[in-house]
Amino acid sequence: MKQLTILTILITFALGRGFSQQDSSIYLTGNSDVDFFGSTVLLKPLSANISMMQEDNSPPSEKSPWLAAAMSLLVPGTGELYSESYTKGGIFLGVEVASWIIAGVYNSKGNKQTEWFKKYANEHYSPVRYAEWVWRNIGSLAPGLDTTSYHLYYRPPVGAEAPPFDCLAWPELNRLEGEISSFTHRLPLYGEQQYFELIGKYKQFSKGWDSEDPYEPDHLTPGDQFYYYGVEFNKADHYYKISDLFISVIIVNHIVSAFDAYLTASKYNNSLHADVQLKMQPTIYGMMPTAQANLSYTF
């Protein structure tokens, strides 16, 4: 009888609390602490009781392989960075920057060296002096040649041994050189790149240097000036070759980076993403900690 009385009182108390609230909805959980003594604020629908920021658990957005390739083709490494491959992106970008710097430095060195050897040649080499030596020794260079039809000068070369050497009849000189069996080349016109190259490359042109004896018939043993100029000329050529090499590296870097960026973006899209988080989840009992795993596989 005593137990029946206590149960009647508890039921009356619970009903009284339910009717005393503004919301007439009653949620019974089976837990006496919650049903009879807990706050109904926790038992109301989520929209009425809970205001919280939702986490964005959506999988990472897909990368476009073609966009990544186009980016790296334009600027190597940017396609890899776009595809979140930061190490490779940094390497490709670093190679690009370093190659442009090296190519620019050596191209500038080549230009300066070219200016230097042209200035040196203009001061110390004369095609007129070379032509005079050929004419003076034509008897031994081309025995039996009739030279009456040759006219090497438009006017006397007195005082004309300076660029651009307009007094010299270049076609006549080249025709005369063609009659000499031991000569393998013709002296190019003054100012051409070949002109500056050949005067320090082939011994047959060595007698135009001002350190040579104009009356010495042997042209196969030139002096130090001929070799010195040849070394200085080759320095410029060497600088340009290094610059060209790194221009080639730049082109290859663009192509390889574009190809790699396409593969990297494709690999990114095909990778498995797993995400496990511990978050607070609203329940009829209030906010409860729960573990959530997000798995996605994209093609």
C-alpha atoms as a PDB file:
ATOM      1  CA  MET A   1       0.000   0.000   0.000  1.00  0.00           C
ATOM      2  CA  LYS A   2       2.853   2.361   0.789  1.00  0.00           C
ATOM      3  CA  GLN A   3       4.534   1.635  -2.575  1.00  0.00           C
ATOM      4  CA  LEU A   4       1.270   2.299  -4.458  1.00  0.00           C
ATOM      5  CA  THR A   5       0.941   5.670  -2.728  1.00  0.00           C
ATOM      6  CA  ILE A   6       4.520   6.700  -3.708  1.00  0.00           C
ATOM      7  CA  LEU A   7       3.964   5.666  -7.347  1.00  0.00           C
ATOM      8  CA  THR A   8       0.725   7.689  -7.492  1.00  0.00           C
ATOM      9  CA  ILE A   9       2.545  10.803  -6.204  1.00  0.00           C
ATOM     10  CA  LEU A  10       5.373  10.466  -8.786  1.00  0.00           C
ATOM     11  CA  ILE A  11       2.938  10.062 -11.680  1.00  0.00           C
ATOM     12  CA  THR A  12       0.947  13.117 -10.504  1.00  0.00           C
ATOM     13  CA  PHE A  13       4.167  15.169 -10.210  1.00  0.00           C
ATOM     14  CA  ALA A  14       5.309  14.221 -13.723  1.00  0.00           C
ATOM     15  CA  LEU A  15       1.950  15.087 -15.264  1.00  0.00           C
ATOM     16  CA  GLY A  16       1.945  18.404 -13.440  1.00  0.00           C
ATOM     17  CA  ARG A  17       5.331  19.376 -14.854  1.00  0.00           C
ATOM     18  CA  GLY A  18       4.247  18.451 -18.372  1.00  0.00           C
ATOM     19  CA  PHE A  19       1.077  20.562 -18.283  1.00  0.00           C
ATOM     20  CA  SER A  20       2.871  23.499 -16.686  1.00  0.00           C
ATOM     21  CA  GLN A  21       5.145  24.015 -19.742  1.00  0.00           C
ATOM     22  CA  GLN A  22       4.243  26.192 -22.745  1.00  0.00           C
ATOM     23  CA  ASP A  23       4.920  23.213 -25.096  1.00  0.00           C
ATOM     24  CA  SER A  24       2.450  20.441 -24.345  1.00  0.00           C
ATOM     25  CA  SER A  25       4.643  17.778 -26.025  1.00  0.00           C
ATOM     26  CA  ILE A  26       5.974  15.181 -23.598  1.00  0.00           C
ATOM     27  CA  TYR A  27       9.036  13.085 -24.450  1.00  0.00           C
ATOM     28  CA  LEU A  28       9.572  10.005 -22.323  1.00  0.00           C
ATOM     29  CA  THR A  29      12.988   8.446 -22.587  1.00  0.00           C
ATOM     30  CA  GLY A  30      12.726   5.673 -20.025  1.00  0.00           C
ATOM     31  CA  ASN A  31      15.329   7.419 -17.920  1.00  0.00           C
ATOM     32  CA  SER A  32      13.663   8.591 -14.717  1.00  0.00           C
ATOM     33  CA  ASP A  33      16.279  11.300 -14.120  1.00  0.00           C
ATOM     34  CA  VAL A  34      15.550  12.803 -17.541  1.00  0.00           C
ATOM     35  CA  ASP A  35      11.784  12.144 -17.635  1.00  0.00           C
ATOM     36  CA  PHE A  36      10.941  13.481 -14.150  1.00  0.00           C
ATOM     37  CA  PHE A  37      13.759  15.826 -13.192  1.00  0.00           C
ATOM     38  CA  GLY A  38      15.508  16.819 -16.476  1.00  0.00           C
ATOM     39  CA  SER A  39      14.801  20.015 -18.414  1.00  0.00           C
ATOM     40  CA  THR A  40      12.483  19.701 -21.419  1.00  0.00           C
ATOM     41  CA  VAL A  41      14.622  22.282 -23.123  1.00  0.00           C
ATOM     42  CA  LEU A  42      16.968  19.440 -24.105  1.00  0.00           C
ATOM     43  CA  LEU A  43      14.037  17.358 -25.316  1.00  0.00           C
ATOM     44  CA  LYS A  44      12.652  19.888 -27.766  1.00  0.00           C
ATOM     45  CA  PRO A  45      13.324  19.594 -31.509  1.00  0.00           C
ATOM     46  CA  LEU A  46      16.812  20.711 -32.632  1.00  0.00           C
ATOM     47  CA  SER A  47      15.495  23.748 -34.544  1.00  0.00           C
ATOM     48  CA  ALA A  48      13.971  25.142 -31.360  1.00  0.00           C
ATOM     49  CA  ASN A  49      16.820  24.533 -28.959  1.00  0.00           C
ATOM     50  CA  ILE A  50      20.199  24.283 -30.706  1.00  0.00           C
ATOM     51  CA  SER A  51      22.115  26.942 -32.597  1.00  0.00           C
ATOM     52  CA  MET A  52      25.495  25.727 -33.796  1.00  0.00           C
ATOM     53  CA  MET A  53      27.928  26.038 -36.687  1.00  0.00           C
ATOM     54  CA  GLN A  54      28.003  23.042 -38.990  1.00  0.00           C
ATOM     55  CA  GLU A  55      31.350  21.672 -40.130  1.00  0.00           C
ATOM     56  CA  ASP A  56      31.964  21.313 -43.858  1.00  0.00           C
ATOM     57  CA  ASN A  57      32.768  17.644 -44.270  1.00  0.00           C
ATOM     58  CA  SER A  58      32.397  17.590 -48.045  1.00  0.00           C
ATOM     59  CA  PRO A  59      35.275  15.887 -49.897  1.00  0.00           C
ATOM     60  CA  PRO A  60      37.962  18.073 -51.596  1.00  0.00           C
ATOM     61  CA  SER A  61      36.939  19.452 -54.964  1.00  0.00           C
ATOM     62  CA  GLU A  62      38.146  17.663 -58.086  1.00  0.00           C
ATOM     63  CA  LYS A  63      41.105  19.115 -60.007  1.00  0.00           C
ATOM     64  CA  SER A  64      41.039  19.601 -63.766  1.00  0.00           C
ATOM     65  CA  PRO A  65      44.014  17.786 -65.393  1.00  0.00           C
ATOM     66  CA  TRP A  66      43.757  19.939 -68.535  1.00  0.00           C
ATOM     67  CA  LEU A  67      43.739  23.160 -66.519  1.00  0.00           C
ATOM     68  CA  ALA A  68      46.731  21.928 -64.497  1.00  0.00           C
ATOM     69  CA  ALA A  69      48.611  21.074 -67.716  1.00  0.00           C
ATOM     70  CA  ALA A  70      47.822  24.475 -69.256  1.00  0.00           C
ATOM     71  CA  MET A  71      48.995  26.282 -66.121  1.00  0.00           C
ATOM     72  CA  SER A  72      52.312  24.416 -66.051  1.00  0.00           C
ATOM     73  CA  LEU A  73      52.806  24.845 -69.783  1.00  0.00           C
ATOM     74  CA  LEU A  74      52.578  28.594 -69.217  1.00  0.00           C
ATOM     75  CA  VAL A  75      54.475  28.720 -65.914  1.00  0.00           C
ATOM     76  CA  PRO A  76      56.116  25.425 -64.869  1.00  0.00           C
ATOM     77  CA  GLY A  77      55.144  24.271 -61.387  1.00  0.00           C
ATOM     78  CA  THR A  78      51.862  26.160 -61.123  1.00  0.00           C
ATOM     79  CA  GLY A  79      49.838  23.144 -62.266  1.00  0.00           C
ATOM     80  CA  GLU A  80      51.467  21.029 -59.567  1.00  0.00           C
ATOM     81  CA  LEU A  81      50.723  23.685 -56.947  1.00  0.00           C
ATOM     82  CA  TYR A  82      47.119  23.782 -58.142  1.00  0.00           C
ATOM     83  CA  SER A  83      46.995  19.991 -57.693  1.00  0.00           C
ATOM     84  CA  GLU A  84      48.432  20.403 -54.165  1.00  0.00           C
ATOM     85  CA  SER A  85      51.767  18.799 -55.009  1.00  0.00           C
ATOM     86  CA  TYR A  86      53.841  21.545 -53.465  1.00  0.00           C
ATOM     87  CA  THR A  87      57.265  19.907 -53.527  1.00  0.00           C
ATOM     88  CA  LYS A  88      57.194  19.123 -57.249  1.00  0.00           C
ATOM     89  CA  GLY A  89      55.653  22.506 -57.979  1.00  0.00           C
ATOM     90  CA  GLY A  90      58.500  24.229 -56.161  1.00  0.00           C
ATOM     91  CA  ILE A  91      61.104  22.174 -58.041  1.00  0.00           C
ATOM     92  CA  PHE A  92      59.680  22.958 -61.490  1.00  0.00           C
ATOM     93  CA  LEU A  93      59.272  26.631 -60.619  1.00  0.00           C
ATOM     94  CA  GLY A  94      62.802  26.785 -59.204  1.00  0.00           C
ATOM     95  CA  VAL A  95      64.281  25.219 -62.354  1.00  0.00           C
ATOM     96  CA  GLU A  96      62.384  27.781 -64.453  1.00  0.00           C
ATOM     97  CA  VAL A  97      63.644  30.781 -62.503  1.00  0.00           C
ATOM     98  CA  ALA A  98      67.226  29.506 -62.272  1.00  0.00           C
ATOM     99  CA  SER A  99      67.344  28.675 -65.992  1.00  0.00           C
ATOM    100  CA  TRP A 100      66.147  32.136 -67.021  1.00  0.00           C
ATOM    101  CA  ILE A 101      68.731  33.771 -64.763  1.00  0.00           C
ATOM    102  CA  ILE A 102      71.616  31.636 -66.058  1.00  0.00           C
ATOM    103  CA  ALA A 103      70.545  32.043 -69.697  1.00  0.00           C
ATOM    104  CA  GLY A 104      70.311  35.813 -69.272  1.00  0.00           C
ATOM    105  CA  VAL A 105      73.673  36.098 -67.517  1.00  0.00           C
ATOM    106  CA  TYR A 106      75.562  34.108 -70.160  1.00  0.00           C
ATOM    107  CA  ASN A 107      73.803  35.832 -73.043  1.00  0.00           C
ATOM    108  CA  SER A 108      74.909  39.154 -71.575  1.00  0.00           C
ATOM    109  CA  LYS A 109      78.471  37.854 -71.175  1.00  0.00           C
ATOM    110  CA  GLY A 110      78.412  36.694 -74.795  1.00  0.00           C
ATOM    111  CA  ASN A 111      77.263  40.122 -75.983  1.00  0.00           C
ATOM    112  CA  LYS A 112      80.014  41.879 -74.045  1.00  0.00           C
ATOM    113  CA  GLN A 113      82.655  39.458 -75.313  1.00  0.00           C
ATOM    114  CA  THR A 114      81.423  39.933 -78.887  1.00  0.00           C
ATOM    115  CA  GLU A 115      81.749  43.685 -78.568  1.00  0.00           C
ATOM    116  CA  TRP A 116      85.269  43.206 -77.208  1.00  0.00           C
ATOM    117  CA  PHE A 117      86.617  40.898 -79.953  1.00  0.00           C
ATOM    118  CA  LYS A 118      85.073  43.022 -82.738  1.00  0.00           C
ATOM    119  CA  LYS A 119      86.728  46.110 -81.320  1.00  0.00           C
ATOM    120  CA  TYR A 120      90.032  44.249 -81.060  1.00  0.00           C
ATOM    121  CA  ALA A 121      89.793  43.015 -84.661  1.00  0.00           C
ATOM    122  CA  ASN A 122      88.980  46.499 -85.979  1.00  0.00           C
ATOM    123  CA  GLU A 123      92.049  47.850 -84.245  1.00  0.00           C
ATOM    124  CA  HIS A 124      94.505  45.094 -85.163  1.00  0.00           C
ATOM    125  CA  TYR A 125      93.333  43.325 -88.327  1.00  0.00           C
ATOM    126  CA  SER A 126      93.238  44.677 -91.869  1.00  0.00           C
ATOM    127  CA  PRO A 127      91.850  42.751 -94.874  1.00  0.00           C
ATOM    128  CA  VAL A 128      93.765  45.231 -97.036  1.00  0.00           C
ATOM    129  CA  ARG A 129      97.031  44.119 -95.425  1.00  0.00           C
ATOM    130  CA  TYR A 130      96.017  40.509 -96.013  1.00  0.00           C
ATOM    131  CA  ALA A 131      95.129  41.220 -99.680  1.00  0.00           C
ATOM    132  CA  GLU A 132      98.478  42.911-100.219  1.00  0.00           C
ATOM    133  CA  TRP A 133     100.300  39.884 -98.804  1.00  0.00           C
ATOM    134  CA  VAL A 134      98.323  37.544-101.116  1.00  0.00           C
ATOM    135  CA  TRP A 135      99.131  39.698-104.141  1.00  0.00           C
ATOM    136  CA  ARG A 136     102.782  39.958-103.209  1.00  0.00           C
ATOM    137  CA  ASN A 137     103.131  36.173-102.895  1.00  0.00           C
ATOM    138  CA  ILE A 138     100.740  35.069-105.638  1.00  0.00           C
ATOM    139  CA  GLY A 139     103.631  33.694-107.691  1.00  0.00           C
ATOM    140  CA  SER A 140     104.429  31.076-105.054  1.00  0.00           C
ATOM    141  CA  LEU A 141     100.827  30.559-103.952  1.00  0.00           C
ATOM    142  CA  ALA A 142      99.477  30.010-107.477  1.00  0.00           C
ATOM    143  CA  PRO A 143     102.391  29.403-109.880  1.00  0.00           C
ATOM    144  CA  GLY A 144     101.704  30.326-113.510  1.00  0.00           C
ATOM    145  CA  LEU A 145      98.541  32.314-112.780  1.00  0.00           C
ATOM    146  CA  ASP A 146      97.864  35.232-115.166  1.00  0.00           C
ATOM    147  CA  THR A 147      97.132  38.156-112.865  1.00  0.00           C
ATOM    148  CA  THR A 148      96.676  40.871-115.485  1.00  0.00           C
ATOM    149  CA  SER A 149      92.880  40.717-115.217  1.00  0.00           C
ATOM    150  CA  TYR A 150      92.791  41.212-111.439  1.00  0.00           C
ATOM    151  CA  HIS A 151      92.135  44.573-109.883  1.00  0.00           C
ATOM    152  CA  LEU A 152      92.111  44.253-106.121  1.00  0.00           C
ATOM    153  CA  TYR A 153      91.591  47.923-105.326  1.00  0.00           C
ATOM    154  CA  TYR A 154      89.001  50.504-106.288  1.00  0.00           C
ATOM    155  CA  ARG A 155      91.524  53.135-105.392  1.00  0.00           C
ATOM    156  CA  PRO A 156      95.027  53.115-103.885  1.00  0.00           C
ATOM    157  CA  PRO A 157      94.840  51.701-100.325  1.00  0.00           C
ATOM    158  CA  VAL A 158      96.953  54.485 -98.840  1.00  0.00           C
ATOM    159  CA  GLY A 159      95.351  55.492 -95.540  1.00  0.00           C
ATOM    160  CA  ALA A 160      92.381  53.188 -96.213  1.00  0.00           C
ATOM    161  CA  GLU A 161      93.310  50.396 -93.823  1.00  0.00           C
ATOM    162  CA  ALA A 162      90.374  51.050 -91.537  1.00  0.00           C
ATOM    163  CA  PRO A 163      86.790  49.768 -91.403  1.00  0.00           C
ATOM    164  CA  PRO A 164      84.774  49.370 -93.549  1.00  0.00           C
ATOM    165  CA  PHE A 165      87.698  48.969 -95.990  1.00  0.00           C
ATOM    166  CA  ASP A 166      85.765  50.338 -98.974  1.00  0.00           C
ATOM    167  CA  CYS A 167      88.928  50.534-101.080  1.00  0.00           C
ATOM    168  CA  LEU A 168      89.128  46.753-101.353  1.00  0.00           C
ATOM    169  CA  ALA A 169      87.424  44.958-104.240  1.00  0.00           C
ATOM    170  CA  TRP A 170      86.067  41.954-102.307  1.00  0.00           C
ATOM    171  CA  PRO A 171      84.815  39.987-105.366  1.00  0.00           C
ATOM    172  CA  GLU A 172      88.244  40.264-106.976  1.00  0.00           C
ATOM    173  CA  LEU A 173      89.980  39.167-103.799  1.00  0.00           C
ATOM    174  CA  ASN A 174      87.666  36.150-103.465  1.00  0.00           C
ATOM    175  CA  ARG A 175      88.245  35.262-107.123  1.00  0.00           C
ATOM    176  CA  LEU A 176      92.000  35.378-106.558  1.00  0.00           C
ATOM    177  CA  GLU A 177      91.695  33.222-103.420  1.00  0.00           C
ATOM    178  CA  GLY A 178      89.838  30.656-105.510  1.00  0.00           C
ATOM    179  CA  GLU A 179      92.916  30.203-107.669  1.00  0.00           C
ATOM    180  CA  ILE A 180      95.118  29.227-104.727  1.00  0.00           C
ATOM    181  CA  SER A 181      94.897  25.482-104.140  1.00  0.00           C
ATOM    182  CA  SER A 182      96.172  25.650-100.550  1.00  0.00           C
ATOM    183  CA  PHE A 183      93.395  28.080 -99.541  1.00  0.00           C
ATOM    184  CA  THR A 184      90.223  26.441 -98.297  1.00  0.00           C
ATOM    185  CA  HIS A 185      88.097  29.545 -97.697  1.00  0.00           C
ATOM    186  CA  ARG A 186      87.262  32.999 -99.050  1.00  0.00           C
ATOM    187  CA  LEU A 187      87.448  36.031 -96.808  1.00  0.00           C
ATOM    188  CA  PRO A 188      83.838  37.109 -96.051  1.00  0.00           C
ATOM    189  CA  LEU A 189      82.758  40.716 -96.381  1.00  0.00           C
ATOM    190  CA  TYR A 190      83.725  42.982 -93.536  1.00  0.00           C
ATOM    191  CA  GLY A 191      81.085  43.145 -90.791  1.00  0.00           C
ATOM    192  CA  GLU A 192      79.691  39.656 -91.285  1.00  0.00           C
ATOM    193  CA  GLN A 193      79.891  37.222 -88.376  1.00  0.00           C
ATOM    194  CA  GLN A 194      81.912  34.844 -90.546  1.00  0.00           C
ATOM    195  CA  TYR A 195      84.473  37.574 -91.190  1.00  0.00           C
ATOM    196  CA  PHE A 196      85.213  37.950 -87.461  1.00  0.00           C
ATOM    197  CA  GLU A 197      85.288  34.199 -87.000  1.00  0.00           C
ATOM    198  CA  LEU A 198      87.526  33.172 -89.898  1.00  0.00           C
ATOM    199  CA  ILE A 199      90.315  35.722 -89.321  1.00  0.00           C
ATOM    200  CA  GLY A 200      91.066  33.968 -86.026  1.00  0.00           C
ATOM    201  CA  LYS A 201      90.327  30.434 -87.172  1.00  0.00           C
ATOM    202  CA  TYR A 202      92.155  29.767 -90.463  1.00  0.00           C
ATOM    203  CA  LYS A 203      95.879  30.387 -90.861  1.00  0.00           C
ATOM    204  CA  GLN A 204      95.523  31.512 -94.489  1.00  0.00           C
ATOM    205  CA  PHE A 205      94.086  34.829 -93.164  1.00  0.00           C
ATOM    206  CA  SER A 206      96.743  35.342 -90.479  1.00  0.00           C
ATOM    207  CA  LYS A 207      98.821  37.824 -92.475  1.00  0.00           C
ATOM    208  CA  GLY A 208      96.222  40.525 -91.899  1.00  0.00           C
ATOM    209  CA  TRP A 209      97.197  40.918 -88.219  1.00  0.00           C
ATOM    210  CA  ASP A 210      99.403  43.877 -87.466  1.00  0.00           C
ATOM    211  CA  SER A 211     101.959  41.770 -85.554  1.00  0.00           C
ATOM    212  CA  GLU A 212     102.735  39.680 -88.675  1.00  0.00           C
ATOM    213  CA  ASP A 213     105.652  40.319 -91.014  1.00  0.00           C
ATOM    214  CA  PRO A 214     104.028  41.388 -94.335  1.00  0.00           C
ATOM    215  CA  TYR A 215     107.036  40.123 -96.272  1.00  0.00           C
ATOM    216  CA  GLU A 216     107.215  36.693 -94.686  1.00  0.00           C
ATOM    217  CA  PRO A 217     105.855  34.189 -97.267  1.00  0.00           C
ATOM    218  CA  ASP A 218     105.050  31.515 -94.676  1.00  0.00           C
ATOM    219  CA  HIS A 219     101.497  31.920 -93.448  1.00  0.00           C
ATOM    220  CA  LEU A 220     101.250  28.499 -91.795  1.00  0.00           C
ATOM    221  CA  THR A 221     103.071  29.564 -88.627  1.00  0.00           C
ATOM    222  CA  PRO A 222     101.140  32.609 -87.380  1.00  0.00           C
ATOM    223  CA  GLY A 223     102.164  34.541 -84.304  1.00  0.00           C
ATOM    224  CA  ASP A 224     100.581  34.726 -80.846  1.00  0.00           C
ATOM    225  CA  GLN A 225      98.143  37.459 -81.828  1.00  0.00           C
ATOM    226  CA  PHE A 226      96.287  35.141 -84.193  1.00  0.00           C
ATOM    227  CA  TYR A 227      95.824  32.506 -81.461  1.00  0.00           C
ATOM    228  CA  TYR A 228      94.992  35.072 -78.790  1.00  0.00           C
ATOM    229  CA  TYR A 229      92.162  36.471 -80.879  1.00  0.00           C
ATOM    230  CA  GLY A 230      90.871  32.976 -81.620  1.00  0.00           C
ATOM    231  CA  VAL A 231      90.634  32.202 -77.893  1.00  0.00           C
ATOM    232  CA  GLU A 232      88.761  35.443 -77.194  1.00  0.00           C
ATOM    233  CA  PHE A 233      86.348  34.794 -80.058  1.00  0.00           C
ATOM    234  CA  ASN A 234      85.649  31.286 -78.770  1.00  0.00           C
ATOM    235  CA  LYS A 235      84.872  32.658 -75.321  1.00  0.00           C
ATOM    236  CA  ALA A 236      81.885  34.528 -76.727  1.00  0.00           C
ATOM    237  CA  ASP A 237      80.793  31.449 -78.613  1.00  0.00           C
ATOM    238  CA  HIS A 238      81.086  29.410 -75.410  1.00  0.00           C
ATOM    239  CA  TYR A 239      78.946  31.895 -73.467  1.00  0.00           C
ATOM    240  CA  TYR A 240      76.246  31.803 -76.139  1.00  0.00           C
ATOM    241  CA  LYS A 241      76.227  28.011 -76.140  1.00  0.00           C
ATOM    242  CA  ILE A 242      75.640  27.937 -72.382  1.00  0.00           C
ATOM    243  CA  SER A 243      72.808  30.443 -72.782  1.00  0.00           C
ATOM    244  CA  ASP A 244      71.275  28.359 -75.578  1.00  0.00           C
ATOM    245  CA  LEU A 245      71.580  25.231 -73.432  1.00  0.00           C
ATOM    246  CA  PHE A 246      69.516  26.753 -70.649  1.00  0.00           C
ATOM    247  CA  ILE A 247      66.968  28.087 -73.126  1.00  0.00           C
ATOM    248  CA  SER A 248      66.568  24.454 -74.153  1.00  0.00           C
ATOM    249  CA  VAL A 249      66.211  23.501 -70.481  1.00  0.00           C
ATOM    250  CA  ILE A 250      63.435  26.095 -70.156  1.00  0.00           C
ATOM    251  CA  ILE A 251      61.535  24.643 -73.121  1.00  0.00           C
ATOM    252  CA  VAL A 252      61.886  21.083 -71.826  1.00  0.00           C
ATOM    253  CA  ASN A 253      60.890  22.200 -68.329  1.00  0.00           C
ATOM    254  CA  HIS A 254      57.632  23.671 -69.685  1.00  0.00           C
ATOM    255  CA  ILE A 255      56.759  20.477 -71.538  1.00  0.00           C
ATOM    256  CA  VAL A 256      57.699  18.065 -68.738  1.00  0.00           C
ATOM    257  CA  SER A 257      55.945  20.162 -66.104  1.00  0.00           C
ATOM    258  CA  ALA A 258      52.746  20.297 -68.180  1.00  0.00           C
ATOM    259  CA  PHE A 259      52.782  16.517 -68.627  1.00  0.00           C
ATOM    260  CA  ASP A 260      53.501  15.946 -64.939  1.00  0.00           C
ATOM    261  CA  ALA A 261      50.780  18.400 -63.879  1.00  0.00           C
ATOM    262  CA  TYR A 262      48.210  16.470 -65.921  1.00  0.00           C
ATOM    263  CA  LEU A 263      49.219  13.204 -64.227  1.00  0.00           C
ATOM    264  CA  THR A 264      49.366  14.820 -60.792  1.00  0.00           C
ATOM    265  CA  ALA A 265      45.843  16.237 -61.096  1.00  0.00           C
ATOM    266  CA  SER A 266      44.562  12.884 -62.327  1.00  0.00           C
ATOM    267  CA  LYS A 267      46.241  11.099 -59.425  1.00  0.00           C
ATOM    268  CA  TYR A 268      44.759  13.630 -57.023  1.00  0.00           C
ATOM    269  CA  ASN A 269      41.272  12.926 -58.348  1.00  0.00           C
ATOM    270  CA  ASN A 270      41.764   9.168 -58.098  1.00  0.00           C
ATOM    271  CA  SER A 271      43.104   9.208 -54.564  1.00  0.00           C
ATOM    272  CA  LEU A 272      41.109   7.867 -51.627  1.00  0.00           C
ATOM    273  CA  HIS A 273      40.209  10.454 -49.017  1.00  0.00           C
ATOM    274  CA  ALA A 274      39.459   9.302 -45.479  1.00  0.00           C
ATOM    275  CA  ASP A 275      38.345  11.685 -42.754  1.00  0.00           C
ATOM    276  CA  VAL A 276      37.511  10.697 -39.164  1.00  0.00           C
ATOM    277  CA  GLN A 277      36.280  13.392 -36.816  1.00  0.00           C
ATOM    278  CA  LEU A 278      35.004  13.610 -33.251  1.00  0.00           C
ATOM    279  CA  LYS A 279      32.097  16.020 -33.071  1.00  0.00           C
ATOM    280  CA  MET A 280      29.136  16.876 -30.817  1.00  0.00           C
ATOM    281  CA  GLN A 281      25.888  15.422 -32.125  1.00  0.00           C
ATOM    282  CA  PRO A 282      22.450  16.610 -30.877  1.00  0.00           C
ATOM    283  CA  THR A 283      20.269  13.793 -29.485  1.00  0.00           C
ATOM    284  CA  ILE A 284      17.073  13.580 -27.464  1.00  0.00           C
ATOM    285  CA  TYR A 285      19.355  13.320 -24.455  1.00  0.00           C
ATOM    286  CA  GLY A 286      21.252  16.493 -25.298  1.00  0.00           C
ATOM    287  CA  MET A 287      24.629  16.991 -27.070  1.00  0.00           C
ATOM    288  CA  MET A 288      26.560  13.717 -27.267  1.00  0.00           C
ATOM    289  CA  PRO A 289      30.159  13.163 -28.625  1.00  0.00           C
ATOM    290  CA  THR A 290      30.188  10.924 -31.680  1.00  0.00           C
ATOM    291  CA  ALA A 291      32.848   9.719 -34.182  1.00  0.00           C
ATOM    292  CA  GLN A 292      32.181  10.406 -37.864  1.00  0.00           C
ATOM    293  CA  ALA A 293      34.095   8.945 -40.826  1.00  0.00           C
ATOM    294  CA  ASN A 294      33.853  10.410 -44.334  1.00  0.00           C
ATOM    295  CA  LEU A 295      35.041   8.215 -47.221  1.00  0.00           C
ATOM    296  CA  SER A 296      34.988   9.283 -50.853  1.00  0.00           C
ATOM    297  CA  TYR A 297      36.522   7.920 -54.046  1.00  0.00           C
ATOM    298  CA  THR A 298      36.386  10.000 -57.205  1.00  0.00           C
ATOM    299  CA  PHE A 299      37.164   9.024 -60.785  1.00  0.00           C
END
